[in-house]
C-alpha atoms as a PDB file:
ATOM      1  CA  MET A   1       0.000   0.000   0.000  1.00  0.00           C
ATOM      2  CA  ALA A   2       2.845   2.334   0.930  1.00  0.00           C
ATOM      3  CA  GLY A   3       4.503   1.504  -2.383  1.00  0.00           C
ATOM      4  CA  LYS A   4       1.389   2.515  -4.323  1.00  0.00           C
ATOM      5  CA  ARG A   5       1.211   5.822  -2.460  1.00  0.00           C
ATOM      6  CA  THR A   6       4.873   6.469  -3.246  1.00  0.00           C
ATOM      7  CA  THR A   7       4.350   5.694  -6.929  1.00  0.00           C
ATOM      8  CA  TRP A   8       1.328   7.964  -7.087  1.00  0.00           C
ATOM      9  CA  SER A   9       3.260  10.753  -5.385  1.00  0.00           C
ATOM     10  CA  VAL A  10       6.029  10.448  -7.964  1.00  0.00           C
ATOM     11  CA  VAL A  11       3.553  10.429 -10.888  1.00  0.00           C
ATOM     12  CA  ARG A  12       1.735  13.450  -9.494  1.00  0.00           C
ATOM     13  CA  ALA A  13       5.001  15.338  -8.998  1.00  0.00           C
ATOM     14  CA  VAL A  14       6.037  14.575 -12.573  1.00  0.00           C
ATOM     15  CA  TRP A  15       2.706  15.785 -13.963  1.00  0.00           C
ATOM     16  CA  ILE A  16       2.835  18.963 -11.894  1.00  0.00           C
ATOM     17  CA  THR A  17       6.389  19.629 -13.057  1.00  0.00           C
ATOM     18  CA  LEU A  18       5.468  19.019 -16.694  1.00  0.00           C
ATOM     19  CA  GLY A  19       2.389  21.215 -16.355  1.00  0.00           C
ATOM     20  CA  LEU A  20       4.306  24.078 -14.805  1.00  0.00           C
ATOM     21  CA  GLY A  21       7.022  23.721 -17.429  1.00  0.00           C
ATOM     22  CA  ALA A  22       4.514  23.765 -20.287  1.00  0.00           C
ATOM     23  CA  THR A  23       2.783  26.795 -18.790  1.00  0.00           C
ATOM     24  CA  ALA A  24       6.088  28.626 -18.444  1.00  0.00           C
ATOM     25  CA  VAL A  25       7.003  27.860 -22.068  1.00  0.00           C
ATOM     26  CA  PHE A  26       3.591  29.062 -23.275  1.00  0.00           C
ATOM     27  CA  VAL A  27       3.802  32.302 -21.272  1.00  0.00           C
ATOM     28  CA  ILE A  28       7.335  33.059 -22.472  1.00  0.00           C
ATOM     29  CA  TRP A  29       6.399  32.258 -26.075  1.00  0.00           C
ATOM     30  CA  SER A  30       3.358  34.505 -25.805  1.00  0.00           C
ATOM     31  CA  LEU A  31       5.366  37.384 -24.381  1.00  0.00           C
ATOM     32  CA  VAL A  32       7.771  37.121 -27.295  1.00  0.00           C
ATOM     33  CA  ALA A  33       5.091  36.485 -29.922  1.00  0.00           C
ATOM     34  CA  TYR A  34       2.965  39.513 -29.083  1.00  0.00           C
ATOM     35  CA  ARG A  35       5.837  42.011 -29.077  1.00  0.00           C
ATOM     36  CA  SER A  36       5.823  44.592 -31.853  1.00  0.00           C
ATOM     37  CA  SER A  37       8.630  44.271 -34.373  1.00  0.00           C
ATOM     38  CA  PRO A  38      11.464  46.816 -34.728  1.00  0.00           C
ATOM     39  CA  GLU A  39       9.837  47.981 -37.980  1.00  0.00           C
ATOM     40  CA  ALA A  40       6.579  48.615 -36.127  1.00  0.00           C
ATOM     41  CA  ASN A  41       8.306  50.467 -33.296  1.00  0.00           C
ATOM     42  CA  LEU A  42       9.968  52.743 -35.833  1.00  0.00           C
ATOM     43  CA  ALA A  43       6.599  53.423 -37.504  1.00  0.00           C
ATOM     44  CA  ALA A  44       5.278  54.658 -34.142  1.00  0.00           C
ATOM     45  CA  VAL A  45       7.810  57.524 -34.067  1.00  0.00           C
ATOM     46  CA  SER A  46       6.960  60.961 -35.465  1.00  0.00           C
ATOM     47  CA  ASP A  47       8.651  62.262 -38.585  1.00  0.00           C
ATOM     48  CA  ALA A  48       8.070  65.019 -41.133  1.00  0.00           C
ATOM     49  CA  ALA A  49       5.263  63.105 -42.854  1.00  0.00           C
ATOM     50  CA  VAL A  50       3.284  61.796 -39.875  1.00  0.00           C
ATOM     51  CA  ALA A  51       3.116  63.067 -36.292  1.00  0.00           C
ATOM     52  CA  VAL A  52       2.507  60.346 -33.694  1.00  0.00           C
ATOM     53  CA  ALA A  53       1.155  61.034 -30.203  1.00  0.00           C
ATOM     54  CA  HIS A  54       0.442  58.518 -27.433  1.00  0.00           C
ATOM     55  CA  GLU A  55      -1.867  59.523 -24.596  1.00  0.00           C
ATOM     56  CA  ALA A  56      -4.903  58.348 -22.622  1.00  0.00           C
ATOM     57  CA  GLY A  57      -4.923  54.862 -24.144  1.00  0.00           C
ATOM     58  CA  THR A  58      -4.734  55.997 -27.766  1.00  0.00           C
ATOM     59  CA  TRP A  59      -2.108  56.393 -30.459  1.00  0.00           C
ATOM     60  CA  ARG A  60      -2.870  59.221 -32.902  1.00  0.00           C
ATOM     61  CA  PHE A  61      -1.292  59.433 -36.353  1.00  0.00           C
ATOM     62  CA  GLU A  62      -1.687  62.903 -37.841  1.00  0.00           C
ATOM     63  CA  PRO A  63      -0.585  63.415 -41.455  1.00  0.00           C
ATOM     64  CA  ALA A  64       1.398  66.543 -42.258  1.00  0.00           C
ATOM     65  CA  VAL A  65      -1.078  67.181 -45.055  1.00  0.00           C
ATOM     66  CA  VAL A  66      -4.657  66.143 -44.282  1.00  0.00           C
ATOM     67  CA  ALA A  67      -6.261  65.173 -47.589  1.00  0.00           C
ATOM     68  CA  SER A  68      -9.612  63.917 -46.342  1.00  0.00           C
ATOM     69  CA  GLY A  69     -12.209  64.325 -43.622  1.00  0.00           C
ATOM     70  CA  THR A  70     -12.101  60.603 -42.846  1.00  0.00           C
ATOM     71  CA  THR A  71     -10.468  59.087 -39.764  1.00  0.00           C
ATOM     72  CA  LEU A  72      -9.688  55.421 -39.215  1.00  0.00           C
ATOM     73  CA  VAL A  73     -10.314  54.289 -35.615  1.00  0.00           C
ATOM     74  CA  PHE A  74      -8.595  50.933 -35.237  1.00  0.00           C
ATOM     75  CA  PHE A  75      -8.561  48.304 -32.468  1.00  0.00           C
ATOM     76  CA  PRO A  76      -5.566  45.941 -31.974  1.00  0.00           C
ATOM     77  CA  GLY A  77      -5.746  42.213 -31.378  1.00  0.00           C
ATOM     78  CA  ALA A  78      -5.807  40.920 -27.806  1.00  0.00           C
ATOM     79  CA  LEU A  79      -2.421  40.756 -26.021  1.00  0.00           C
ATOM     80  CA  VAL A  80      -0.667  42.343 -29.012  1.00  0.00           C
ATOM     81  CA  ASP A  81       1.416  45.471 -28.465  1.00  0.00           C
ATOM     82  CA  PRO A  82      -0.650  48.238 -30.149  1.00  0.00           C
ATOM     83  CA  ARG A  83       2.480  49.452 -31.920  1.00  0.00           C
ATOM     84  CA  ALA A  84       2.328  46.248 -33.979  1.00  0.00           C
ATOM     85  CA  TYR A  85      -0.294  48.064 -36.078  1.00  0.00           C
ATOM     86  CA  ALA A  86       1.670  51.306 -36.407  1.00  0.00           C
ATOM     87  CA  PRO A  87       2.868  50.471 -39.962  1.00  0.00           C
ATOM     88  CA  LEU A  88      -0.771  50.091 -41.051  1.00  0.00           C
ATOM     89  CA  ALA A  89      -1.711  53.339 -39.302  1.00  0.00           C
ATOM     90  CA  ARG A  90       1.248  55.154 -40.844  1.00  0.00           C
ATOM     91  CA  ALA A  91       0.424  53.864 -44.343  1.00  0.00           C
ATOM     92  CA  VAL A  92      -3.140  55.175 -44.014  1.00  0.00           C
ATOM     93  CA  ALA A  93      -1.959  58.481 -42.530  1.00  0.00           C
ATOM     94  CA  ALA A  94       0.560  58.880 -45.351  1.00  0.00           C
ATOM     95  CA  GLU A  95      -2.415  59.037 -47.713  1.00  0.00           C
ATOM     96  CA  GLY A  96      -3.835  62.008 -45.808  1.00  0.00           C
ATOM     97  CA  HIS A  97      -6.212  60.255 -43.387  1.00  0.00           C
ATOM     98  CA  ARG A  98      -6.068  60.673 -39.625  1.00  0.00           C
ATOM     99  CA  VAL A  99      -5.731  57.417 -37.678  1.00  0.00           C
ATOM    100  CA  VAL A 100      -6.398  56.609 -34.029  1.00  0.00           C
ATOM    101  CA  LEU A 101      -5.300  53.273 -32.539  1.00  0.00           C
ATOM    102  CA  VAL A 102      -7.428  52.614 -29.460  1.00  0.00           C
ATOM    103  CA  GLU A 103      -5.699  50.359 -26.939  1.00  0.00           C
ATOM    104  CA  LEU A 104      -7.631  47.563 -25.245  1.00  0.00           C
ATOM    105  CA  PRO A 105      -7.291  47.895 -21.444  1.00  0.00           C
ATOM    106  CA  TRP A 106      -4.676  45.394 -20.189  1.00  0.00           C
ATOM    107  CA  ARG A 107      -4.286  44.527 -23.898  1.00  0.00           C
ATOM    108  CA  GLY A 108      -7.622  42.723 -23.730  1.00  0.00           C
ATOM    109  CA  ALA A 109      -6.537  40.298 -20.992  1.00  0.00           C
ATOM    110  CA  PHE A 110      -8.481  39.831 -17.740  1.00  0.00           C
ATOM    111  CA  GLY A 111     -11.695  40.984 -19.433  1.00  0.00           C
ATOM    112  CA  GLY A 112     -10.133  44.198 -20.706  1.00  0.00           C
ATOM    113  CA  ALA A 113     -11.808  43.872 -24.113  1.00  0.00           C
ATOM    114  CA  ASP A 114     -15.197  43.842 -22.373  1.00  0.00           C
ATOM    115  CA  ALA A 115     -14.434  46.467 -19.728  1.00  0.00           C
ATOM    116  CA  ALA A 116     -16.564  49.569 -19.282  1.00  0.00           C
ATOM    117  CA  GLU A 117     -13.290  51.485 -19.495  1.00  0.00           C
ATOM    118  CA  LEU A 118     -12.937  50.476 -23.152  1.00  0.00           C
ATOM    119  CA  ARG A 119     -16.397  51.771 -24.084  1.00  0.00           C
ATOM    120  CA  THR A 120     -15.603  55.051 -22.338  1.00  0.00           C
ATOM    121  CA  ARG A 121     -12.324  55.255 -24.239  1.00  0.00           C
ATOM    122  CA  ILE A 122     -14.086  54.583 -27.549  1.00  0.00           C
ATOM    123  CA  ASP A 123     -16.837  57.133 -26.940  1.00  0.00           C
ATOM    124  CA  ARG A 124     -14.285  59.737 -25.839  1.00  0.00           C
ATOM    125  CA  THR A 125     -12.268  59.104 -28.991  1.00  0.00           C
ATOM    126  CA  LEU A 126     -15.285  59.412 -31.278  1.00  0.00           C
ATOM    127  CA  ALA A 127     -16.451  62.577 -29.532  1.00  0.00           C
ATOM    128  CA  SER A 128     -13.013  64.134 -29.946  1.00  0.00           C
ATOM    129  CA  LEU A 129     -13.183  63.791 -33.719  1.00  0.00           C
ATOM    130  CA  GLY A 130     -16.143  66.103 -34.129  1.00  0.00           C
ATOM    131  CA  ALA A 131     -19.366  65.826 -36.089  1.00  0.00           C
ATOM    132  CA  ALA A 132     -17.771  66.884 -39.380  1.00  0.00           C
ATOM    133  CA  GLU A 133     -15.382  63.916 -39.446  1.00  0.00           C
ATOM    134  CA  SER A 134     -16.270  60.667 -41.195  1.00  0.00           C
ATOM    135  CA  VAL A 135     -15.238  57.689 -39.071  1.00  0.00           C
ATOM    136  CA  VAL A 136     -14.248  54.259 -40.337  1.00  0.00           C
ATOM    137  CA  LEU A 137     -13.943  51.580 -37.659  1.00  0.00           C
ATOM    138  CA  GLY A 138     -11.475  48.744 -38.039  1.00  0.00           C
ATOM    139  CA  GLY A 139      -9.911  45.973 -36.041  1.00  0.00           C
ATOM    140  CA  HIS A 140      -7.836  42.814 -36.167  1.00  0.00           C
ATOM    141  CA  SER A 141      -8.716  39.629 -34.279  1.00  0.00           C
ATOM    142  CA  ARG A 142     -10.261  40.635 -30.923  1.00  0.00           C
ATOM    143  CA  GLY A 143     -10.106  44.185 -32.186  1.00  0.00           C
ATOM    144  CA  GLY A 144     -12.522  43.095 -34.910  1.00  0.00           C
ATOM    145  CA  VAL A 145     -14.929  41.965 -32.204  1.00  0.00           C
ATOM    146  CA  VAL A 146     -14.741  45.411 -30.598  1.00  0.00           C
ATOM    147  CA  ALA A 147     -15.219  47.103 -33.971  1.00  0.00           C
ATOM    148  CA  SER A 148     -18.263  44.916 -34.719  1.00  0.00           C
ATOM    149  CA  GLU A 149     -19.892  45.608 -31.367  1.00  0.00           C
ATOM    150  CA  THR A 150     -19.202  49.334 -31.688  1.00  0.00           C
ATOM    151  CA  ALA A 151     -20.649  49.416 -35.201  1.00  0.00           C
ATOM    152  CA  ALA A 152     -23.811  47.795 -33.846  1.00  0.00           C
ATOM    153  CA  ARG A 153     -24.392  50.531 -31.253  1.00  0.00           C
ATOM    154  CA  VAL A 154     -22.937  53.727 -32.772  1.00  0.00           C
ATOM    155  CA  ARG A 155     -24.820  55.577 -35.472  1.00  0.00           C
ATOM    156  CA  GLY A 156     -23.344  57.804 -38.151  1.00  0.00           C
ATOM    157  CA  LEU A 157     -20.257  55.741 -38.947  1.00  0.00           C
ATOM    158  CA  ALA A 158     -18.825  55.910 -42.462  1.00  0.00           C
ATOM    159  CA  GLY A 159     -17.361  52.435 -42.868  1.00  0.00           C
ATOM    160  CA  LEU A 160     -16.166  49.224 -41.238  1.00  0.00           C
ATOM    161  CA  VAL A 161     -13.182  46.971 -41.946  1.00  0.00           C
ATOM    162  CA  LEU A 162     -12.769  43.626 -40.175  1.00  0.00           C
ATOM    163  CA  ILE A 163      -9.429  41.825 -40.432  1.00  0.00           C
ATOM    164  CA  GLY A 164      -8.550  38.291 -39.329  1.00  0.00           C
ATOM    165  CA  THR A 165     -11.660  37.752 -37.225  1.00  0.00           C
ATOM    166  CA  SER A 166     -14.616  35.366 -37.334  1.00  0.00           C
ATOM    167  CA  HIS A 167     -16.869  38.173 -36.099  1.00  0.00           C
ATOM    168  CA  PRO A 168     -19.458  39.534 -36.220  1.00  0.00           C
ATOM    169  CA  ARG A 169     -20.724  36.501 -34.369  1.00  0.00           C
ATOM    170  CA  ASP A 170     -22.747  37.930 -31.497  1.00  0.00           C
ATOM    171  CA  VAL A 171     -24.259  40.956 -33.266  1.00  0.00           C
ATOM    172  CA  ASP A 172     -26.176  41.208 -36.533  1.00  0.00           C
ATOM    173  CA  LEU A 173     -24.692  43.836 -38.837  1.00  0.00           C
ATOM    174  CA  GLY A 174     -26.694  42.739 -41.858  1.00  0.00           C
ATOM    175  CA  GLY A 175     -28.658  45.986 -41.885  1.00  0.00           C
ATOM    176  CA  LEU A 176     -25.635  48.288 -42.070  1.00  0.00           C
ATOM    177  CA  GLU A 177     -25.834  50.632 -45.044  1.00  0.00           C
ATOM    178  CA  ILE A 178     -22.221  51.762 -44.839  1.00  0.00           C
ATOM    179  CA  PRO A 179     -19.297  50.264 -46.787  1.00  0.00           C
ATOM    180  CA  VAL A 180     -17.931  47.122 -45.134  1.00  0.00           C
ATOM    181  CA  THR A 181     -14.737  45.241 -45.988  1.00  0.00           C
ATOM    182  CA  LYS A 182     -13.830  41.815 -44.601  1.00  0.00           C
ATOM    183  CA  ILE A 183     -10.201  40.643 -44.963  1.00  0.00           C
ATOM    184  CA  VAL A 184      -9.531  36.937 -44.394  1.00  0.00           C
ATOM    185  CA  GLY A 185      -6.409  34.774 -44.466  1.00  0.00           C
ATOM    186  CA  THR A 186      -7.051  31.321 -45.907  1.00  0.00           C
ATOM    187  CA  ARG A 187      -4.584  29.799 -43.402  1.00  0.00           C
ATOM    188  CA  ASP A 188      -5.754  31.738 -40.367  1.00  0.00           C
ATOM    189  CA  GLY A 189      -5.499  29.390 -37.391  1.00  0.00           C
ATOM    190  CA  LEU A 190      -7.564  31.524 -35.006  1.00  0.00           C
ATOM    191  CA  ALA A 191     -10.304  32.804 -37.300  1.00  0.00           C
ATOM    192  CA  SER A 192     -10.641  29.939 -39.740  1.00  0.00           C
ATOM    193  CA  PRO A 193     -12.305  30.405 -43.137  1.00  0.00           C
ATOM    194  CA  ALA A 194     -15.033  27.982 -42.012  1.00  0.00           C
ATOM    195  CA  GLU A 195     -15.836  30.119 -38.959  1.00  0.00           C
ATOM    196  CA  VAL A 196     -15.721  33.287 -41.041  1.00  0.00           C
ATOM    197  CA  GLU A 197     -18.090  31.890 -43.651  1.00  0.00           C
ATOM    198  CA  GLY A 198     -20.371  30.579 -40.915  1.00  0.00           C
ATOM    199  CA  ASN A 199     -20.982  34.153 -39.760  1.00  0.00           C
ATOM    200  CA  ALA A 200     -21.159  35.719 -43.220  1.00  0.00           C
ATOM    201  CA  GLY A 201     -24.925  36.118 -42.953  1.00  0.00           C
ATOM    202  CA  LEU A 202     -24.428  38.644 -40.155  1.00  0.00           C
ATOM    203  CA  LEU A 203     -22.728  41.048 -42.577  1.00  0.00           C
ATOM    204  CA  PRO A 204     -24.560  43.196 -45.152  1.00  0.00           C
ATOM    205  CA  PRO A 205     -24.915  41.788 -48.681  1.00  0.00           C
ATOM    206  CA  HIS A 206     -22.729  44.549 -50.129  1.00  0.00           C
ATOM    207  CA  THR A 207     -19.715  43.542 -47.991  1.00  0.00           C
ATOM    208  CA  ARG A 208     -16.481  43.448 -49.966  1.00  0.00           C
ATOM    209  CA  TRP A 209     -14.565  40.230 -49.267  1.00  0.00           C
ATOM    210  CA  ILE A 210     -10.782  40.075 -49.622  1.00  0.00           C
ATOM    211  CA  TRP A 211      -9.394  36.543 -49.340  1.00  0.00           C
ATOM    212  CA  VAL A 212      -5.640  36.529 -48.808  1.00  0.00           C
ATOM    213  CA  GLU A 213      -4.536  33.191 -50.224  1.00  0.00           C
ATOM    214  CA  GLY A 214      -1.982  31.600 -47.892  1.00  0.00           C
ATOM    215  CA  GLY A 215      -2.325  34.353 -45.302  1.00  0.00           C
ATOM    216  CA  ASN A 216      -2.426  33.490 -41.617  1.00  0.00           C
ATOM    217  CA  HIS A 217      -3.545  35.345 -38.470  1.00  0.00           C
ATOM    218  CA  SER A 218      -0.276  36.758 -37.185  1.00  0.00           C
ATOM    219  CA  GLN A 219       0.871  38.387 -40.410  1.00  0.00           C
ATOM    220  CA  PHE A 220      -1.975  40.897 -40.330  1.00  0.00           C
ATOM    221  CA  GLY A 221       0.109  42.670 -37.677  1.00  0.00           C
ATOM    222  CA  TRP A 222       3.793  43.360 -37.225  1.00  0.00           C
ATOM    223  CA  TYR A 223       4.548  40.927 -34.387  1.00  0.00           C
ATOM    224  CA  GLY A 224       5.668  37.324 -33.886  1.00  0.00           C
ATOM    225  CA  PHE A 225       4.095  33.979 -34.691  1.00  0.00           C
ATOM    226  CA  GLN A 226       0.997  33.691 -32.513  1.00  0.00           C
ATOM    227  CA  PRO A 227       0.193  30.503 -30.558  1.00  0.00           C
ATOM    228  CA  MET A 228      -2.417  28.293 -32.312  1.00  0.00           C
ATOM    229  CA  ASP A 229      -1.897  30.008 -35.677  1.00  0.00           C
ATOM    230  CA  ARG A 230      -1.070  28.155 -38.901  1.00  0.00           C
ATOM    231  CA  ARG A 231       2.055  28.619 -40.967  1.00  0.00           C
ATOM    232  CA  PRO A 232       1.523  31.006 -43.897  1.00  0.00           C
ATOM    233  CA  THR A 233       2.351  30.244 -47.506  1.00  0.00           C
ATOM    234  CA  ILE A 234       2.587  33.917 -48.459  1.00  0.00           C
ATOM    235  CA  ALA A 235       5.311  36.387 -47.497  1.00  0.00           C
ATOM    236  CA  ALA A 236       4.439  38.696 -44.609  1.00  0.00           C
ATOM    237  CA  ALA A 237       5.166  41.794 -46.701  1.00  0.00           C
ATOM    238  CA  GLU A 238       2.787  40.643 -49.443  1.00  0.00           C
ATOM    239  CA  GLN A 239      -0.003  39.770 -46.996  1.00  0.00           C
ATOM    240  CA  ARG A 240       0.311  43.123 -45.232  1.00  0.00           C
ATOM    241  CA  ALA A 241       0.394  44.980 -48.547  1.00  0.00           C
ATOM    242  CA  LEU A 242      -2.908  43.365 -49.557  1.00  0.00           C
ATOM    243  CA  MET A 243      -4.388  44.333 -46.180  1.00  0.00           C
ATOM    244  CA  ILE A 244      -3.232  47.940 -46.478  1.00  0.00           C
ATOM    245  CA  GLU A 245      -4.563  48.138 -50.018  1.00  0.00           C
ATOM    246  CA  GLY A 246      -7.958  46.889 -48.853  1.00  0.00           C
ATOM    247  CA  VAL A 247      -8.106  49.421 -46.023  1.00  0.00           C
ATOM    248  CA  LEU A 248      -7.047  52.303 -48.272  1.00  0.00           C
ATOM    249  CA  ASP A 249      -9.604  51.294 -50.906  1.00  0.00           C
ATOM    250  CA  LEU A 250     -12.323  51.613 -48.269  1.00  0.00           C
ATOM    251  CA  MET A 251     -10.935  54.899 -46.946  1.00  0.00           C
ATOM    252  CA  GLY A 252     -10.861  56.296 -50.479  1.00  0.00           C
ATOM    253  CA  LEU A 253     -14.575  55.822 -51.078  1.00  0.00           C
ATOM    254  CA  ASP A 254     -16.891  58.820 -51.031  1.00  0.00           C
ATOM    255  CA  LEU A 255     -17.856  58.024 -47.469  1.00  0.00           C
ATOM    256  CA  MET A 256     -19.568  61.342 -46.872  1.00  0.00           C
ATOM    257  CA  GLY A 257     -21.881  60.935 -49.816  1.00  0.00           C
ATOM    258  CA  GLY A 258     -22.531  57.217 -49.872  1.00  0.00           C
ATOM    259  CA  PHE A 259     -20.995  54.510 -52.049  1.00  0.00           C
END
């Protein structure tokens, strides 16, 4: 009997050790994976073309020459450093559009993506833009969830772009009369094409679909390879270029006068 207890104690200790080790590896991998790349960090620094300001949970990208009255309000993916989307924001700002990256509280962890603080931050951001500004909402991954839910409750938006997300899933956006673009990677391991297509009926019929052949989840941002994602068969630069093109196409529409 004592021998059985000893054996069980050894087995339990081994399992606990393996479990703690696996957890440590996952945490370390995640910390590395969600870091913004050096290229992204550089894009978050002001220069003569685009002024960048970080305050009160937002990153603002102001073009030196404002060519439109349309602002992109963009939400990052959960756990990802918001600066991982600075190259996208800078590319849009370089075309004369203002951009605001709205951070998820605690990067979306511990319920941050559902916190009342986030809604307050969003409403404050929208109010700061003024009634004359056309607002396009966008988001990647969990940021796409936030963008979908915001589009369902806020009136007067000019457009919506959802990137690498299976949402809308919990809200019906089928009645939206604004331009909508959905960008999907065919090898996305977190928002699979099957999940995306399963929720397609919750988007308006006029939605523009951009399928990035070989694109995965992580390459829609400038950060590392995300846990549970699939390996891409397209270069990161090419995937991101297709994403930027899709966003700029939407921003370039006559959003004030319809489409």
